[in-house]
């Protein structure tokens, strides 16, 4: 684990402990990498509740309650799907705050409307609507996935700190 990811994990842990928050993650293209960064820090069981790796659409539906109509109408890589993933992570856990990541890490799978590097994010707190964002990252598969993890965790930390 590089120093930047380690520092992000430590900062998230401190913020969650201070506010007595538990985190849940819902990941697709990052395959659990965000959860791995979080759990890298000793004692993370005090602030990380669980992670969902829902790579297949069926898993998104079964584990997170993403509606099949959402997937059919907007696709797996969409703000709508990310929002339902983040909300579903809260509904299916004891966490109070969640993040969701779904995207196209490549090297194939992109389209003119959603090129390789397109990643949709959502962050959600209990009792609130999900906040969403789309980013397009560059680089190879590993670089795109790493940038997505950093962005998701940084976004989560910002949302914890401003509340």
N, C-alpha and C. Protein backbone atom coordinates (compact mmCIF):
# COMPACT_ATOMS: atom_id res chain seq x y z
N UNK A 1 0.86 -1.17 0.00
CA UNK A 1 0.00 0.00 0.00
C UNK A 1 0.90 1.23 0.00
N UNK A 2 0.65 2.13 -0.94
CA UNK A 2 1.49 3.33 -1.00
C UNK A 2 1.09 4.33 0.09
N UNK A 3 1.95 5.29 0.32
CA UNK A 3 1.78 6.25 1.42
C UNK A 3 0.50 7.08 1.28
N UNK A 4 0.13 7.44 0.04
CA UNK A 4 -1.08 8.25 -0.16
C UNK A 4 -2.33 7.49 0.25
N UNK A 5 -2.42 6.23 -0.17
CA UNK A 5 -3.59 5.42 0.19
C UNK A 5 -3.61 5.15 1.69
N UNK A 6 -2.45 4.90 2.27
CA UNK A 6 -2.37 4.65 3.70
C UNK A 6 -2.82 5.88 4.49
N UNK A 7 -2.38 7.06 4.08
CA UNK A 7 -2.78 8.30 4.76
C UNK A 7 -4.28 8.53 4.65
N UNK A 8 -4.85 8.20 3.51
CA UNK A 8 -6.29 8.34 3.31
C UNK A 8 -7.06 7.41 4.25
N UNK A 9 -6.59 6.19 4.40
CA UNK A 9 -7.21 5.23 5.29
C UNK A 9 -7.16 5.71 6.75
N UNK A 10 -6.02 6.21 7.16
CA UNK A 10 -5.87 6.70 8.54
C UNK A 10 -6.80 7.90 8.77
N UNK A 11 -6.86 8.82 7.81
CA UNK A 11 -7.72 10.00 7.96
C UNK A 11 -9.19 9.60 8.03
N UNK A 12 -9.60 8.65 7.20
CA UNK A 12 -10.99 8.18 7.25
C UNK A 12 -11.29 7.55 8.61
N UNK A 13 -10.37 6.76 9.09
CA UNK A 13 -10.56 6.12 10.39
C UNK A 13 -10.73 7.14 11.49
N UNK A 14 -9.88 8.13 11.51
CA UNK A 14 -9.97 9.17 12.54
C UNK A 14 -11.29 9.93 12.47
N UNK A 15 -11.71 10.28 11.25
CA UNK A 15 -12.96 11.02 11.07
C UNK A 15 -14.17 10.18 11.51
N UNK A 16 -14.17 8.91 11.15
CA UNK A 16 -15.28 8.04 11.52
C UNK A 16 -15.33 7.80 13.02
N UNK A 17 -14.18 7.57 13.62
CA UNK A 17 -14.15 7.36 15.07
C UNK A 17 -14.65 8.58 15.82
N UNK A 18 -14.22 9.75 15.37
CA UNK A 18 -14.64 10.99 16.02
C UNK A 18 -16.15 11.17 15.95
N UNK A 19 -16.75 10.77 14.82
CA UNK A 19 -18.19 10.98 14.62
C UNK A 19 -19.01 9.71 14.87
N UNK A 20 -18.34 8.66 15.28
CA UNK A 20 -18.98 7.36 15.55
C UNK A 20 -19.76 6.86 14.34
N UNK A 21 -19.11 6.86 13.20
CA UNK A 21 -19.72 6.40 11.95
C UNK A 21 -19.14 5.06 11.53
N UNK A 22 -19.99 4.24 10.93
CA UNK A 22 -19.56 3.01 10.30
C UNK A 22 -19.73 3.18 8.79
N UNK A 23 -18.77 2.67 8.03
CA UNK A 23 -18.77 2.76 6.57
C UNK A 23 -19.15 1.42 5.95
N UNK A 24 -19.88 1.49 4.84
CA UNK A 24 -20.08 0.35 3.95
C UNK A 24 -19.66 0.78 2.55
N UNK A 25 -19.08 -0.13 1.81
CA UNK A 25 -18.69 0.16 0.43
C UNK A 25 -19.46 -0.75 -0.52
N UNK A 26 -19.74 -0.23 -1.71
CA UNK A 26 -20.36 -1.00 -2.79
C UNK A 26 -19.51 -0.75 -4.03
N UNK A 27 -18.80 -1.78 -4.46
CA UNK A 27 -17.84 -1.60 -5.55
C UNK A 27 -18.12 -2.53 -6.71
N UNK A 28 -17.86 -2.03 -7.89
CA UNK A 28 -17.92 -2.85 -9.09
C UNK A 28 -16.54 -2.87 -9.73
N UNK A 29 -16.19 -1.86 -10.52
CA UNK A 29 -14.94 -1.90 -11.29
C UNK A 29 -13.68 -1.93 -10.42
N UNK A 30 -13.76 -1.52 -9.18
CA UNK A 30 -12.59 -1.52 -8.30
C UNK A 30 -12.44 -2.82 -7.53
N UNK A 31 -13.41 -3.71 -7.63
CA UNK A 31 -13.28 -5.06 -7.11
C UNK A 31 -12.91 -5.19 -5.64
N UNK A 32 -13.31 -4.25 -4.82
CA UNK A 32 -13.00 -4.32 -3.40
C UNK A 32 -11.76 -3.55 -2.98
N UNK A 33 -11.16 -2.84 -3.90
CA UNK A 33 -9.94 -2.10 -3.61
C UNK A 33 -10.18 -1.02 -2.55
N UNK A 34 -11.31 -0.33 -2.61
CA UNK A 34 -11.60 0.70 -1.61
C UNK A 34 -11.70 0.06 -0.23
N UNK A 35 -12.38 -1.07 -0.13
CA UNK A 35 -12.49 -1.77 1.15
C UNK A 35 -11.12 -2.22 1.63
N UNK A 36 -10.27 -2.64 0.71
CA UNK A 36 -8.92 -3.07 1.09
C UNK A 36 -8.12 -1.91 1.65
N UNK A 37 -8.24 -0.74 1.04
CA UNK A 37 -7.53 0.44 1.55
C UNK A 37 -8.03 0.77 2.96
N UNK A 38 -9.33 0.75 3.14
CA UNK A 38 -9.90 1.07 4.45
C UNK A 38 -9.40 0.09 5.51
N UNK A 39 -9.44 -1.21 5.19
CA UNK A 39 -9.09 -2.22 6.18
C UNK A 39 -7.58 -2.40 6.34
N UNK A 40 -6.81 -1.68 5.59
CA UNK A 40 -5.35 -1.72 5.76
C UNK A 40 -4.95 -1.16 7.13
N UNK A 41 -5.71 -0.23 7.63
CA UNK A 41 -5.40 0.41 8.91
C UNK A 41 -5.85 -0.49 10.06
N UNK A 42 -4.93 -0.76 10.97
CA UNK A 42 -5.25 -1.56 12.15
C UNK A 42 -6.37 -0.89 12.92
N UNK A 43 -7.31 -1.69 13.39
CA UNK A 43 -8.44 -1.16 14.15
C UNK A 43 -9.60 -0.72 13.29
N UNK A 44 -9.52 -0.95 11.98
CA UNK A 44 -10.58 -0.49 11.08
C UNK A 44 -11.92 -1.17 11.34
N UNK A 45 -11.92 -2.27 12.08
CA UNK A 45 -13.21 -2.90 12.40
C UNK A 45 -14.08 -2.00 13.27
N UNK A 46 -13.49 -0.99 13.87
CA UNK A 46 -14.27 -0.04 14.67
C UNK A 46 -15.04 0.95 13.81
N UNK A 47 -14.70 1.04 12.50
CA UNK A 47 -15.36 2.03 11.64
C UNK A 47 -15.69 1.52 10.24
N UNK A 48 -15.31 0.29 9.93
CA UNK A 48 -15.70 -0.29 8.63
C UNK A 48 -16.62 -1.46 8.91
N UNK A 49 -17.87 -1.36 8.41
CA UNK A 49 -18.87 -2.37 8.71
C UNK A 49 -18.83 -3.53 7.71
N UNK A 50 -18.84 -3.20 6.41
CA UNK A 50 -18.77 -4.25 5.39
C UNK A 50 -18.58 -3.65 4.01
N UNK A 51 -18.16 -4.53 3.09
CA UNK A 51 -18.02 -4.13 1.70
C UNK A 51 -18.74 -5.11 0.79
N UNK A 52 -19.35 -4.58 -0.24
CA UNK A 52 -20.02 -5.38 -1.26
C UNK A 52 -19.23 -5.25 -2.56
N UNK A 53 -18.83 -6.37 -3.13
CA UNK A 53 -18.23 -6.36 -4.46
C UNK A 53 -19.28 -6.95 -5.39
N UNK A 54 -19.88 -6.08 -6.18
CA UNK A 54 -20.98 -6.47 -7.05
C UNK A 54 -20.60 -6.20 -8.50
N UNK A 55 -19.76 -7.06 -9.01
CA UNK A 55 -19.23 -6.88 -10.36
C UNK A 55 -20.31 -7.14 -11.41
N UNK A 56 -21.07 -8.19 -11.22
CA UNK A 56 -22.12 -8.55 -12.18
C UNK A 56 -23.40 -7.78 -11.87
N UNK A 57 -24.18 -7.51 -12.89
CA UNK A 57 -25.46 -6.83 -12.69
C UNK A 57 -26.37 -7.61 -11.75
N UNK A 58 -26.38 -8.92 -11.86
CA UNK A 58 -27.20 -9.75 -10.98
C UNK A 58 -26.83 -9.52 -9.52
N UNK A 59 -25.55 -9.37 -9.24
CA UNK A 59 -25.10 -9.13 -7.87
C UNK A 59 -25.58 -7.77 -7.38
N UNK A 60 -25.56 -6.79 -8.26
CA UNK A 60 -26.07 -5.46 -7.88
C UNK A 60 -27.53 -5.54 -7.48
N UNK A 61 -28.30 -6.32 -8.21
CA UNK A 61 -29.72 -6.48 -7.93
C UNK A 61 -29.91 -7.29 -6.64
N UNK A 62 -29.26 -8.45 -6.55
CA UNK A 62 -29.46 -9.36 -5.42
C UNK A 62 -28.92 -8.82 -4.11
N UNK A 63 -27.73 -8.23 -4.12
CA UNK A 63 -27.07 -7.84 -2.88
C UNK A 63 -27.39 -6.42 -2.44
N UNK A 64 -27.65 -5.53 -3.42
CA UNK A 64 -27.83 -4.12 -3.10
C UNK A 64 -29.22 -3.58 -3.41
N UNK A 65 -30.02 -4.38 -4.08
CA UNK A 65 -31.37 -3.93 -4.41
C UNK A 65 -31.44 -2.95 -5.56
N UNK A 66 -30.39 -2.92 -6.40
CA UNK A 66 -30.48 -2.08 -7.60
C UNK A 66 -31.62 -2.62 -8.46
N UNK A 67 -32.47 -1.74 -8.91
CA UNK A 67 -33.63 -2.16 -9.69
C UNK A 67 -33.21 -2.58 -11.09
N UNK A 68 -33.73 -3.71 -11.58
CA UNK A 68 -33.42 -4.13 -12.94
C UNK A 68 -33.75 -3.05 -13.97
N UNK A 69 -34.82 -2.27 -13.70
CA UNK A 69 -35.20 -1.20 -14.63
C UNK A 69 -34.11 -0.12 -14.70
N UNK A 70 -33.47 0.13 -13.58
CA UNK A 70 -32.38 1.12 -13.56
C UNK A 70 -31.25 0.65 -14.46
N UNK A 71 -30.88 -0.61 -14.32
CA UNK A 71 -29.81 -1.17 -15.16
C UNK A 71 -30.21 -1.17 -16.63
N UNK A 72 -31.45 -1.53 -16.91
CA UNK A 72 -31.92 -1.57 -18.31
C UNK A 72 -31.98 -0.18 -18.93
N UNK A 73 -32.43 0.80 -18.16
CA UNK A 73 -32.62 2.14 -18.70
C UNK A 73 -31.36 3.00 -18.72
N UNK A 74 -30.48 2.81 -17.76
CA UNK A 74 -29.31 3.69 -17.63
C UNK A 74 -27.98 2.97 -17.75
N UNK A 75 -27.97 1.66 -17.53
CA UNK A 75 -26.74 0.88 -17.59
C UNK A 75 -26.08 0.77 -16.22
N UNK A 76 -25.15 -0.17 -16.13
CA UNK A 76 -24.44 -0.39 -14.87
C UNK A 76 -23.55 0.80 -14.53
N UNK A 77 -23.02 1.46 -15.56
CA UNK A 77 -22.17 2.62 -15.34
C UNK A 77 -23.03 3.86 -15.54
N UNK A 78 -23.66 4.27 -14.45
CA UNK A 78 -24.55 5.43 -14.49
C UNK A 78 -24.67 6.00 -13.08
N UNK A 79 -25.02 7.27 -13.02
CA UNK A 79 -25.25 7.90 -11.72
C UNK A 79 -26.42 7.23 -11.00
N UNK A 80 -27.43 6.84 -11.76
CA UNK A 80 -28.60 6.20 -11.17
C UNK A 80 -28.24 4.88 -10.50
N UNK A 81 -27.43 4.08 -11.19
CA UNK A 81 -27.01 2.80 -10.61
C UNK A 81 -26.11 3.03 -9.40
N UNK A 82 -25.18 3.97 -9.50
CA UNK A 82 -24.29 4.26 -8.37
C UNK A 82 -25.10 4.68 -7.15
N UNK A 83 -26.11 5.53 -7.35
CA UNK A 83 -26.93 5.98 -6.24
C UNK A 83 -27.67 4.81 -5.59
N UNK A 84 -28.22 3.92 -6.39
CA UNK A 84 -28.93 2.77 -5.84
C UNK A 84 -27.96 1.81 -5.14
N UNK A 85 -26.73 1.71 -5.65
CA UNK A 85 -25.72 0.87 -4.98
C UNK A 85 -25.40 1.43 -3.60
N UNK A 86 -25.17 2.74 -3.52
CA UNK A 86 -24.83 3.37 -2.24
C UNK A 86 -25.99 3.25 -1.25
N UNK A 87 -27.20 3.49 -1.72
CA UNK A 87 -28.38 3.35 -0.85
C UNK A 87 -28.56 1.91 -0.40
N UNK A 88 -28.35 0.99 -1.33
CA UNK A 88 -28.48 -0.43 -1.00
C UNK A 88 -27.43 -0.91 0.00
N UNK A 89 -26.25 -0.34 -0.07
CA UNK A 89 -25.21 -0.70 0.90
C UNK A 89 -25.64 -0.31 2.31
N UNK A 90 -26.30 0.83 2.43
CA UNK A 90 -26.80 1.26 3.74
C UNK A 90 -27.95 0.37 4.20
N UNK A 91 -28.87 0.08 3.30
CA UNK A 91 -30.04 -0.72 3.66
C UNK A 91 -29.66 -2.14 4.08
N UNK A 92 -28.56 -2.64 3.53
CA UNK A 92 -28.14 -4.02 3.79
C UNK A 92 -26.95 -4.10 4.73
N UNK A 93 -26.81 -3.12 5.58
CA UNK A 93 -25.71 -3.10 6.55
C UNK A 93 -26.14 -2.31 7.78
N UNK A 94 -25.23 -2.19 8.71
CA UNK A 94 -25.45 -1.36 9.90
C UNK A 94 -24.68 -0.05 9.79
N UNK A 95 -24.15 0.22 8.60
CA UNK A 95 -23.36 1.44 8.37
C UNK A 95 -24.25 2.67 8.35
N UNK A 96 -23.63 3.82 8.58
CA UNK A 96 -24.34 5.09 8.54
C UNK A 96 -23.95 5.92 7.33
N UNK A 97 -22.85 5.53 6.66
CA UNK A 97 -22.39 6.26 5.48
C UNK A 97 -21.81 5.23 4.51
N UNK A 98 -22.02 5.47 3.22
CA UNK A 98 -21.55 4.52 2.22
C UNK A 98 -20.99 5.23 1.01
N UNK A 99 -20.26 4.44 0.23
CA UNK A 99 -19.79 4.90 -1.08
C UNK A 99 -20.07 3.81 -2.08
N UNK A 100 -20.21 4.21 -3.34
CA UNK A 100 -20.38 3.26 -4.43
C UNK A 100 -19.51 3.68 -5.60
N UNK A 101 -18.96 2.69 -6.28
CA UNK A 101 -18.09 2.91 -7.44
C UNK A 101 -18.53 1.94 -8.53
N UNK A 102 -18.81 2.45 -9.72
CA UNK A 102 -19.13 1.60 -10.87
C UNK A 102 -18.58 2.28 -12.12
N UNK A 103 -17.84 1.54 -12.92
CA UNK A 103 -17.23 2.19 -14.07
C UNK A 103 -16.66 1.23 -15.09
N UNK A 104 -15.94 1.82 -16.04
CA UNK A 104 -15.31 1.08 -17.13
C UNK A 104 -13.81 1.28 -17.02
N UNK A 105 -13.13 0.28 -16.48
CA UNK A 105 -11.69 0.38 -16.25
C UNK A 105 -10.86 0.01 -17.48
N UNK A 106 -11.48 -0.65 -18.43
CA UNK A 106 -10.77 -1.00 -19.67
C UNK A 106 -9.98 -2.29 -19.55
N UNK A 107 -9.24 -2.60 -20.56
CA UNK A 107 -8.94 -1.77 -21.73
C UNK A 107 -10.06 -1.73 -22.77
N UNK A 108 -11.07 -2.61 -22.61
CA UNK A 108 -12.19 -2.60 -23.54
C UNK A 108 -13.45 -2.26 -22.77
N UNK A 109 -14.57 -2.18 -23.49
CA UNK A 109 -15.86 -1.97 -22.84
C UNK A 109 -16.40 -0.56 -22.96
N UNK A 110 -15.60 0.35 -23.45
CA UNK A 110 -16.06 1.73 -23.59
C UNK A 110 -16.92 1.93 -24.82
N UNK A 111 -17.57 3.08 -24.86
CA UNK A 111 -18.38 3.47 -26.01
C UNK A 111 -18.21 4.97 -26.19
N UNK A 112 -18.70 5.54 -27.30
CA UNK A 112 -18.56 6.99 -27.46
C UNK A 112 -19.18 7.79 -26.31
N UNK A 113 -20.31 7.33 -25.80
CA UNK A 113 -20.97 8.04 -24.70
C UNK A 113 -20.36 7.76 -23.34
N UNK A 114 -19.72 6.60 -23.22
CA UNK A 114 -19.08 6.21 -21.96
C UNK A 114 -17.73 5.57 -22.30
N UNK A 115 -16.72 6.41 -22.49
CA UNK A 115 -15.41 5.87 -22.86
C UNK A 115 -14.74 5.14 -21.70
N UNK A 116 -13.75 4.34 -22.02
CA UNK A 116 -12.94 3.71 -20.99
C UNK A 116 -12.42 4.80 -20.07
N UNK A 117 -12.51 4.55 -18.78
CA UNK A 117 -12.10 5.54 -17.78
C UNK A 117 -13.28 6.23 -17.13
N UNK A 118 -14.51 6.03 -17.67
CA UNK A 118 -15.71 6.61 -17.08
C UNK A 118 -16.04 5.86 -15.80
N UNK A 119 -16.16 6.60 -14.71
CA UNK A 119 -16.50 6.00 -13.42
C UNK A 119 -17.57 6.86 -12.75
N UNK A 120 -18.62 6.21 -12.28
CA UNK A 120 -19.70 6.89 -11.56
C UNK A 120 -19.57 6.57 -10.07
N UNK A 121 -19.78 7.59 -9.26
CA UNK A 121 -19.63 7.49 -7.81
C UNK A 121 -20.92 7.92 -7.14
N UNK A 122 -21.14 7.39 -5.95
CA UNK A 122 -22.21 7.87 -5.08
C UNK A 122 -21.76 7.75 -3.64
N UNK A 123 -22.22 8.70 -2.84
CA UNK A 123 -21.97 8.71 -1.40
C UNK A 123 -23.32 8.93 -0.75
N UNK A 124 -23.61 8.19 0.30
CA UNK A 124 -24.93 8.29 0.92
C UNK A 124 -24.81 8.17 2.43
N UNK A 125 -25.63 8.93 3.12
CA UNK A 125 -25.74 8.84 4.59
C UNK A 125 -27.14 8.38 4.94
N UNK A 126 -27.27 7.70 6.05
CA UNK A 126 -28.57 7.26 6.52
C UNK A 126 -29.52 8.46 6.59
N UNK A 127 -30.70 8.28 6.02
CA UNK A 127 -31.70 9.34 6.05
C UNK A 127 -31.55 10.43 5.01
N UNK A 128 -30.58 10.30 4.12
CA UNK A 128 -30.36 11.32 3.09
C UNK A 128 -30.30 10.68 1.71
N UNK A 129 -30.48 11.49 0.69
CA UNK A 129 -30.33 11.02 -0.69
C UNK A 129 -28.86 10.92 -1.04
N UNK A 130 -28.57 10.05 -1.96
CA UNK A 130 -27.19 9.89 -2.41
C UNK A 130 -26.73 11.10 -3.21
N UNK A 131 -25.46 11.45 -3.02
CA UNK A 131 -24.80 12.46 -3.85
C UNK A 131 -24.00 11.70 -4.90
N UNK A 132 -24.07 12.14 -6.15
CA UNK A 132 -23.42 11.40 -7.23
C UNK A 132 -22.50 12.28 -8.06
N UNK A 133 -21.60 11.62 -8.76
CA UNK A 133 -20.64 12.33 -9.61
C UNK A 133 -20.07 11.34 -10.62
N UNK A 134 -19.79 11.82 -11.81
CA UNK A 134 -19.11 11.03 -12.83
C UNK A 134 -17.77 11.68 -13.13
N UNK A 135 -16.75 10.86 -13.26
CA UNK A 135 -15.42 11.33 -13.65
C UNK A 135 -14.92 10.45 -14.78
N UNK A 136 -14.05 11.00 -15.60
CA UNK A 136 -13.38 10.21 -16.64
C UNK A 136 -11.89 10.28 -16.36
N UNK A 137 -11.32 9.14 -16.03
CA UNK A 137 -9.90 9.04 -15.70
C UNK A 137 -9.12 8.51 -16.89
N UNK A 138 -7.83 8.78 -16.90
CA UNK A 138 -6.99 8.29 -17.99
C UNK A 138 -5.96 7.32 -17.45
N UNK A 139 -5.34 6.62 -18.36
CA UNK A 139 -4.32 5.65 -17.99
C UNK A 139 -4.77 4.24 -18.29
N UNK A 140 -3.97 3.27 -17.84
CA UNK A 140 -4.32 1.87 -18.05
C UNK A 140 -5.33 1.43 -16.98
N UNK A 141 -5.72 0.19 -17.04
CA UNK A 141 -6.74 -0.35 -16.15
C UNK A 141 -6.40 -0.10 -14.67
N UNK A 142 -5.18 -0.39 -14.30
CA UNK A 142 -4.77 -0.23 -12.91
C UNK A 142 -4.80 1.24 -12.48
N UNK A 143 -4.35 2.12 -13.36
CA UNK A 143 -4.35 3.56 -13.04
C UNK A 143 -5.77 4.09 -12.88
N UNK A 144 -6.67 3.65 -13.75
CA UNK A 144 -8.06 4.09 -13.67
C UNK A 144 -8.68 3.61 -12.36
N UNK A 145 -8.46 2.36 -12.03
CA UNK A 145 -9.02 1.80 -10.80
C UNK A 145 -8.46 2.51 -9.57
N UNK A 146 -7.18 2.78 -9.55
CA UNK A 146 -6.56 3.45 -8.40
C UNK A 146 -7.13 4.87 -8.25
N UNK A 147 -7.22 5.60 -9.37
CA UNK A 147 -7.79 6.95 -9.32
C UNK A 147 -9.23 6.92 -8.81
N UNK A 148 -9.98 5.90 -9.20
CA UNK A 148 -11.36 5.77 -8.75
C UNK A 148 -11.42 5.55 -7.23
N UNK A 149 -10.54 4.70 -6.72
CA UNK A 149 -10.50 4.45 -5.27
C UNK A 149 -10.15 5.73 -4.52
N UNK A 150 -9.13 6.42 -4.98
CA UNK A 150 -8.71 7.67 -4.32
C UNK A 150 -9.85 8.68 -4.34
N UNK A 151 -10.50 8.82 -5.49
CA UNK A 151 -11.60 9.78 -5.60
C UNK A 151 -12.76 9.41 -4.68
N UNK A 152 -13.12 8.14 -4.65
CA UNK A 152 -14.24 7.69 -3.80
C UNK A 152 -13.94 7.91 -2.32
N UNK A 153 -12.76 7.55 -1.89
CA UNK A 153 -12.41 7.69 -0.48
C UNK A 153 -12.22 9.15 -0.09
N UNK A 154 -11.64 9.94 -0.97
CA UNK A 154 -11.50 11.37 -0.71
C UNK A 154 -12.88 12.03 -0.62
N UNK A 155 -13.78 11.65 -1.52
CA UNK A 155 -15.14 12.16 -1.48
C UNK A 155 -15.86 11.77 -0.20
N UNK A 156 -15.62 10.56 0.26
CA UNK A 156 -16.23 10.12 1.51
C UNK A 156 -15.69 10.94 2.68
N UNK A 157 -14.39 11.13 2.71
CA UNK A 157 -13.77 11.91 3.79
C UNK A 157 -14.32 13.35 3.79
N UNK A 158 -14.45 13.94 2.63
CA UNK A 158 -15.01 15.29 2.55
C UNK A 158 -16.42 15.34 3.10
N UNK A 159 -17.20 14.35 2.78
CA UNK A 159 -18.60 14.32 3.23
C UNK A 159 -18.70 14.05 4.73
N UNK A 160 -17.75 13.34 5.28
CA UNK A 160 -17.73 13.13 6.73
C UNK A 160 -17.31 14.44 7.42
N UNK A 161 -16.32 15.08 6.88
CA UNK A 161 -15.78 16.30 7.51
C UNK A 161 -16.71 17.49 7.45
N UNK A 162 -17.58 17.56 6.43
CA UNK A 162 -18.45 18.74 6.33
C UNK A 162 -19.77 18.55 7.07
N UNK A 163 -20.00 17.40 7.61
CA UNK A 163 -21.26 17.14 8.33
C UNK A 163 -21.09 17.42 9.80
